[in-house]
Amino acid sequence: MATPKQLVHAVATALHVPEATVTVHDRNLSVAGLRSMGGRGRAAAQVTARDAANLLIATAASRNVKDSVESVRVYGNLVSTEKWNWRIFPDFASSKVKLSLADALSSLVEFAATGILTKEKLKGHELFVRFFGVEPEAEIEVMRAKQTFKQIDANHNRYAIPGPGGLNYSMYFTDRALVEVAKVFSSA
């Protein structure tokens, strides 16, 4: 199992965010009970794939570090508006349950840690996890790109809270970030 410090380092490296910033996100989640707790040294907390999902959401979806907890609560609880249609991940495709974004990301981290989510298994597809704001919305998309910037075919699942428009922003990461973060679980 991995420690919070290892997870913070992995997320910072994978998302190219300063480790100090990710440390504050992690501390905010810990205080709010959104990350596994433990002691120090050998009794230190052992983080889970759900902890990784929450830290990825906090880091990618928060405009400010003070927003970590709210971002995880809002974005993490968004539910897919569409049925999963991914032959690449049969566990998702066969699921009758609409997953929350945090559940889906947690599963993807587990898939990456166990070797289910690899470039070979993606077979030329790339996975994107996108966060949109100010109205909270997220998207997990698996697409095949024939050439740069030209989408040939796509299966995506969109998570949204309906509401009026406004100033918008977006952040995203790809399967490469998920695989990098999952290394803390597969090597531990």
C-alpha atoms as a PDB file:
ATOM      1  CA  MET A   1       0.000   0.000   0.000  1.00  0.00           C
ATOM      2  CA  ALA A   2       1.051   3.588  -0.537  1.00  0.00           C
ATOM      3  CA  THR A   3       1.372   6.420   1.945  1.00  0.00           C
ATOM      4  CA  PRO A   4      -0.248   9.851   1.560  1.00  0.00           C
ATOM      5  CA  LYS A   5       3.189  11.359   0.895  1.00  0.00           C
ATOM      6  CA  GLN A   6       3.800   8.909  -1.980  1.00  0.00           C
ATOM      7  CA  LEU A   7       0.349   9.658  -3.417  1.00  0.00           C
ATOM      8  CA  VAL A   8       0.911  13.422  -3.190  1.00  0.00           C
ATOM      9  CA  HIS A   9       4.237  13.062  -5.016  1.00  0.00           C
ATOM     10  CA  ALA A  10       2.651  10.868  -7.716  1.00  0.00           C
ATOM     11  CA  VAL A  11      -0.257  13.277  -8.325  1.00  0.00           C
ATOM     12  CA  ALA A  12       2.068  16.286  -8.406  1.00  0.00           C
ATOM     13  CA  THR A  13       4.341  14.533 -10.899  1.00  0.00           C
ATOM     14  CA  ALA A  14       1.499  13.205 -13.064  1.00  0.00           C
ATOM     15  CA  LEU A  15      -0.378  16.520 -13.268  1.00  0.00           C
ATOM     16  CA  HIS A  16       2.717  18.770 -13.339  1.00  0.00           C
ATOM     17  CA  VAL A  17       1.498  20.699 -10.296  1.00  0.00           C
ATOM     18  CA  PRO A  18       3.833  21.859  -7.513  1.00  0.00           C
ATOM     19  CA  GLU A  19       4.042  19.249  -4.758  1.00  0.00           C
ATOM     20  CA  ALA A  20       3.328  21.960  -2.160  1.00  0.00           C
ATOM     21  CA  THR A  21      -0.008  22.679  -3.852  1.00  0.00           C
ATOM     22  CA  VAL A  22      -0.999  19.005  -3.902  1.00  0.00           C
ATOM     23  CA  THR A  23       0.083  18.695  -0.254  1.00  0.00           C
ATOM     24  CA  VAL A  24      -2.404  21.421   0.715  1.00  0.00           C
ATOM     25  CA  HIS A  25      -5.167  19.695  -1.280  1.00  0.00           C
ATOM     26  CA  ASP A  26      -4.301  16.442   0.502  1.00  0.00           C
ATOM     27  CA  ARG A  27      -4.342  18.105   3.933  1.00  0.00           C
ATOM     28  CA  ASN A  28      -7.737  19.698   3.183  1.00  0.00           C
ATOM     29  CA  LEU A  29      -9.181  16.313   2.176  1.00  0.00           C
ATOM     30  CA  SER A  30      -7.679  14.623   5.224  1.00  0.00           C
ATOM     31  CA  VAL A  31      -9.185  17.166   7.637  1.00  0.00           C
ATOM     32  CA  ALA A  32     -12.595  16.800   5.918  1.00  0.00           C
ATOM     33  CA  GLY A  33     -12.480  12.994   6.187  1.00  0.00           C
ATOM     34  CA  LEU A  34     -12.133  12.539   2.422  1.00  0.00           C
ATOM     35  CA  ARG A  35      -8.776  10.732   2.676  1.00  0.00           C
ATOM     36  CA  SER A  36      -7.726   7.698   4.724  1.00  0.00           C
ATOM     37  CA  MET A  37      -6.286   8.636   8.098  1.00  0.00           C
ATOM     38  CA  GLY A  38      -3.554   7.027  10.178  1.00  0.00           C
ATOM     39  CA  GLY A  39      -0.589   7.731  12.384  1.00  0.00           C
ATOM     40  CA  ARG A  40       3.021   8.460  11.589  1.00  0.00           C
ATOM     41  CA  GLY A  41       5.889   6.202  10.579  1.00  0.00           C
ATOM     42  CA  ARG A  42       4.904   2.526  10.397  1.00  0.00           C
ATOM     43  CA  ALA A  43       1.363   3.440  11.495  1.00  0.00           C
ATOM     44  CA  ALA A  44       0.995   5.991   8.691  1.00  0.00           C
ATOM     45  CA  ALA A  45      -2.216   5.932   6.705  1.00  0.00           C
ATOM     46  CA  GLN A  46      -2.340   3.654   3.704  1.00  0.00           C
ATOM     47  CA  VAL A  47      -4.132   5.375   0.853  1.00  0.00           C
ATOM     48  CA  THR A  48      -6.654   3.744  -1.456  1.00  0.00           C
ATOM     49  CA  ALA A  49      -7.691   4.177  -5.079  1.00  0.00           C
ATOM     50  CA  ARG A  50     -10.611   6.279  -3.779  1.00  0.00           C
ATOM     51  CA  ASP A  51      -8.118   8.555  -2.016  1.00  0.00           C
ATOM     52  CA  ALA A  52      -6.246   8.890  -5.318  1.00  0.00           C
ATOM     53  CA  ALA A  53      -9.489   9.697  -7.159  1.00  0.00           C
ATOM     54  CA  ASN A  54     -10.384  12.357  -4.587  1.00  0.00           C
ATOM     55  CA  LEU A  55      -6.916  13.927  -4.764  1.00  0.00           C
ATOM     56  CA  LEU A  56      -7.013  13.941  -8.574  1.00  0.00           C
ATOM     57  CA  ILE A  57     -10.434  15.634  -8.490  1.00  0.00           C
ATOM     58  CA  ALA A  58      -9.309  18.183  -5.887  1.00  0.00           C
ATOM     59  CA  THR A  59      -6.141  19.032  -7.805  1.00  0.00           C
ATOM     60  CA  ALA A  60      -7.689  19.173 -11.284  1.00  0.00           C
ATOM     61  CA  ALA A  61     -11.111  20.679 -10.534  1.00  0.00           C
ATOM     62  CA  SER A  62     -10.259  23.271  -7.871  1.00  0.00           C
ATOM     63  CA  ARG A  63      -9.487  26.771  -9.023  1.00  0.00           C
ATOM     64  CA  ASN A  64      -7.989  27.497  -5.589  1.00  0.00           C
ATOM     65  CA  VAL A  65      -6.577  25.123  -2.972  1.00  0.00           C
ATOM     66  CA  LYS A  66      -9.164  26.344  -0.482  1.00  0.00           C
ATOM     67  CA  ASP A  67     -11.807  24.786  -2.768  1.00  0.00           C
ATOM     68  CA  SER A  68     -10.448  21.203  -2.510  1.00  0.00           C
ATOM     69  CA  VAL A  69     -13.185  19.778  -0.293  1.00  0.00           C
ATOM     70  CA  GLU A  70     -16.041  21.476  -2.137  1.00  0.00           C
ATOM     71  CA  SER A  71     -14.630  20.351  -5.508  1.00  0.00           C
ATOM     72  CA  VAL A  72     -14.470  16.716  -4.361  1.00  0.00           C
ATOM     73  CA  ARG A  73     -17.970  16.859  -2.877  1.00  0.00           C
ATOM     74  CA  VAL A  74     -19.498  18.474  -5.951  1.00  0.00           C
ATOM     75  CA  TYR A  75     -17.549  16.897  -8.826  1.00  0.00           C
ATOM     76  CA  GLY A  76     -17.014  13.536  -7.129  1.00  0.00           C
ATOM     77  CA  ASN A  77     -20.767  13.074  -6.647  1.00  0.00           C
ATOM     78  CA  LEU A  78     -21.731  13.927 -10.216  1.00  0.00           C
ATOM     79  CA  VAL A  79     -23.415  10.931 -11.839  1.00  0.00           C
ATOM     80  CA  SER A  80     -23.005   9.843 -15.441  1.00  0.00           C
ATOM     81  CA  THR A  81     -25.820  11.053 -17.646  1.00  0.00           C
ATOM     82  CA  GLU A  82     -25.211   8.244 -20.140  1.00  0.00           C
ATOM     83  CA  LYS A  83     -24.765   4.474 -20.048  1.00  0.00           C
ATOM     84  CA  TRP A  84     -21.163   3.349 -20.273  1.00  0.00           C
ATOM     85  CA  ASN A  85     -20.408   2.054 -23.756  1.00  0.00           C
ATOM     86  CA  TRP A  86     -16.797   0.981 -23.495  1.00  0.00           C
ATOM     87  CA  ARG A  87     -15.729  -2.384 -24.823  1.00  0.00           C
ATOM     88  CA  ILE A  88     -12.262  -1.589 -23.444  1.00  0.00           C
ATOM     89  CA  PHE A  89     -13.588  -1.748 -19.861  1.00  0.00           C
ATOM     90  CA  PRO A  90     -16.188  -4.527 -19.768  1.00  0.00           C
ATOM     91  CA  ASP A  91     -16.815  -4.003 -16.032  1.00  0.00           C
ATOM     92  CA  PHE A  92     -18.106  -0.521 -16.827  1.00  0.00           C
ATOM     93  CA  ALA A  93     -19.975  -1.531 -19.955  1.00  0.00           C
ATOM     94  CA  SER A  94     -21.878  -4.293 -18.176  1.00  0.00           C
ATOM     95  CA  SER A  95     -22.741  -2.109 -15.190  1.00  0.00           C
ATOM     96  CA  LYS A  96     -26.405  -1.223 -14.852  1.00  0.00           C
ATOM     97  CA  VAL A  97     -25.574   1.272 -12.118  1.00  0.00           C
ATOM     98  CA  LYS A  98     -24.833   4.874 -12.996  1.00  0.00           C
ATOM     99  CA  LEU A  99     -21.442   5.540 -11.452  1.00  0.00           C
ATOM    100  CA  SER A 100     -20.407   8.748  -9.747  1.00  0.00           C
ATOM    101  CA  LEU A 101     -17.328  10.464 -11.114  1.00  0.00           C
ATOM    102  CA  ALA A 102     -15.378   9.517  -7.969  1.00  0.00           C
ATOM    103  CA  ASP A 103     -16.434   5.856  -8.369  1.00  0.00           C
ATOM    104  CA  ALA A 104     -15.400   5.849 -12.027  1.00  0.00           C
ATOM    105  CA  LEU A 105     -12.018   7.472 -11.328  1.00  0.00           C
ATOM    106  CA  SER A 106     -11.390   5.133  -8.422  1.00  0.00           C
ATOM    107  CA  SER A 107     -12.062   2.155 -10.714  1.00  0.00           C
ATOM    108  CA  LEU A 108      -9.780   3.586 -13.408  1.00  0.00           C
ATOM    109  CA  VAL A 109      -6.953   3.982 -10.864  1.00  0.00           C
ATOM    110  CA  GLU A 110      -7.487   0.347  -9.801  1.00  0.00           C
ATOM    111  CA  PHE A 111      -7.505  -0.726 -13.474  1.00  0.00           C
ATOM    112  CA  ALA A 112      -4.202   1.107 -14.024  1.00  0.00           C
ATOM    113  CA  ALA A 113      -2.657  -0.396 -10.867  1.00  0.00           C
ATOM    114  CA  THR A 114      -3.607  -3.934 -11.895  1.00  0.00           C
ATOM    115  CA  GLY A 115      -2.565  -3.603 -15.542  1.00  0.00           C
ATOM    116  CA  ILE A 116      -6.058  -3.420 -17.043  1.00  0.00           C
ATOM    117  CA  LEU A 117      -5.539   0.192 -18.138  1.00  0.00           C
ATOM    118  CA  THR A 118      -2.456   0.123 -20.381  1.00  0.00           C
ATOM    119  CA  LYS A 119      -1.577   1.500 -23.804  1.00  0.00           C
ATOM    120  CA  GLU A 120      -1.775  -2.047 -25.165  1.00  0.00           C
ATOM    121  CA  LYS A 121      -5.261  -2.574 -23.734  1.00  0.00           C
ATOM    122  CA  LEU A 122      -6.416   0.841 -24.930  1.00  0.00           C
ATOM    123  CA  LYS A 123      -5.554  -0.323 -28.476  1.00  0.00           C
ATOM    124  CA  GLY A 124      -4.816   3.106 -29.900  1.00  0.00           C
ATOM    125  CA  HIS A 125      -7.436   4.916 -27.830  1.00  0.00           C
ATOM    126  CA  GLU A 126      -6.635   7.694 -25.402  1.00  0.00           C
ATOM    127  CA  LEU A 127      -8.567   8.344 -22.222  1.00  0.00           C
ATOM    128  CA  PHE A 128      -9.329  11.923 -21.153  1.00  0.00           C
ATOM    129  CA  VAL A 129     -10.784  13.068 -17.836  1.00  0.00           C
ATOM    130  CA  ARG A 130     -12.084  16.637 -18.166  1.00  0.00           C
ATOM    131  CA  PHE A 131     -13.475  19.046 -15.593  1.00  0.00           C
ATOM    132  CA  PHE A 132     -15.550  22.066 -16.555  1.00  0.00           C
ATOM    133  CA  GLY A 133     -16.711  25.003 -14.454  1.00  0.00           C
ATOM    134  CA  VAL A 134     -18.157  27.343 -13.222  1.00  0.00           C
ATOM    135  CA  GLU A 135     -21.225  25.129 -13.511  1.00  0.00           C
ATOM    136  CA  PRO A 136     -19.792  21.778 -12.376  1.00  0.00           C
ATOM    137  CA  GLU A 137     -19.496  19.289 -15.187  1.00  0.00           C
ATOM    138  CA  ALA A 138     -17.030  16.526 -15.960  1.00  0.00           C
ATOM    139  CA  GLU A 139     -16.409  14.079 -18.747  1.00  0.00           C
ATOM    140  CA  ILE A 140     -14.496  10.847 -19.135  1.00  0.00           C
ATOM    141  CA  GLU A 141     -13.844  10.165 -22.779  1.00  0.00           C
ATOM    142  CA  VAL A 142     -12.082   7.381 -24.609  1.00  0.00           C
ATOM    143  CA  MET A 143     -11.232   8.369 -28.153  1.00  0.00           C
ATOM    144  CA  ARG A 144      -9.201   7.198 -31.053  1.00  0.00           C
ATOM    145  CA  ALA A 145      -7.215   9.890 -32.782  1.00  0.00           C
ATOM    146  CA  LYS A 146      -6.181   9.224 -36.360  1.00  0.00           C
ATOM    147  CA  GLN A 147      -4.087  12.360 -36.365  1.00  0.00           C
ATOM    148  CA  THR A 148      -3.515  15.129 -33.882  1.00  0.00           C
ATOM    149  CA  PHE A 149      -6.616  17.172 -33.038  1.00  0.00           C
ATOM    150  CA  LYS A 150      -8.916  15.136 -35.285  1.00  0.00           C
ATOM    151  CA  GLN A 151     -11.321  12.911 -33.438  1.00  0.00           C
ATOM    152  CA  ILE A 152     -12.363   9.867 -35.445  1.00  0.00           C
ATOM    153  CA  ASP A 153     -14.627   8.065 -33.007  1.00  0.00           C
ATOM    154  CA  ALA A 154     -15.443   8.615 -29.378  1.00  0.00           C
ATOM    155  CA  ASN A 155     -17.313   7.053 -26.510  1.00  0.00           C
ATOM    156  CA  HIS A 156     -17.781   9.430 -23.641  1.00  0.00           C
ATOM    157  CA  ASN A 157     -19.678   9.750 -20.414  1.00  0.00           C
ATOM    158  CA  ARG A 158     -20.668  13.203 -19.333  1.00  0.00           C
ATOM    159  CA  TYR A 159     -21.380  14.205 -15.755  1.00  0.00           C
ATOM    160  CA  ALA A 160     -23.322  17.413 -15.202  1.00  0.00           C
ATOM    161  CA  ILE A 161     -25.434  19.536 -12.917  1.00  0.00           C
ATOM    162  CA  PRO A 162     -27.811  21.524 -15.137  1.00  0.00           C
ATOM    163  CA  GLY A 163     -27.720  25.275 -14.683  1.00  0.00           C
ATOM    164  CA  PRO A 164     -27.185  28.629 -16.363  1.00  0.00           C
ATOM    165  CA  GLY A 165     -23.940  29.364 -18.154  1.00  0.00           C
ATOM    166  CA  GLY A 166     -21.246  31.764 -17.017  1.00  0.00           C
ATOM    167  CA  LEU A 167     -17.512  32.125 -17.005  1.00  0.00           C
ATOM    168  CA  ASN A 168     -16.210  28.707 -17.975  1.00  0.00           C
ATOM    169  CA  TYR A 169     -12.913  26.983 -17.460  1.00  0.00           C
ATOM    170  CA  SER A 170     -11.696  23.472 -18.095  1.00  0.00           C
ATOM    171  CA  MET A 171      -8.897  21.212 -16.932  1.00  0.00           C
ATOM    172  CA  TYR A 172      -8.072  17.709 -18.075  1.00  0.00           C
ATOM    173  CA  PHE A 173      -5.676  14.841 -17.673  1.00  0.00           C
ATOM    174  CA  THR A 174      -5.207  11.626 -19.633  1.00  0.00           C
ATOM    175  CA  ASP A 175      -4.679   7.921 -19.022  1.00  0.00           C
ATOM    176  CA  ARG A 176      -0.952   8.660 -18.726  1.00  0.00           C
ATOM    177  CA  ALA A 177      -1.616  10.580 -15.488  1.00  0.00           C
ATOM    178  CA  LEU A 178      -3.800   7.759 -14.151  1.00  0.00           C
ATOM    179  CA  VAL A 179      -1.083   5.202 -14.877  1.00  0.00           C
ATOM    180  CA  GLU A 180       1.555   7.405 -13.209  1.00  0.00           C
ATOM    181  CA  VAL A 181      -0.571   7.813 -10.057  1.00  0.00           C
ATOM    182  CA  ALA A 182      -1.463   4.109  -9.983  1.00  0.00           C
ATOM    183  CA  LYS A 183       2.234   3.172  -9.831  1.00  0.00           C
ATOM    184  CA  VAL A 184       2.191   3.953  -6.103  1.00  0.00           C
ATOM    185  CA  PHE A 185      -0.286   1.084  -5.662  1.00  0.00           C
ATOM    186  CA  SER A 186       1.314  -1.427  -8.014  1.00  0.00           C
ATOM    187  CA  SER A 187       4.845  -0.931  -6.646  1.00  0.00           C
ATOM    188  CA  ALA A 188       3.862  -0.803  -2.976  1.00  0.00           C
END
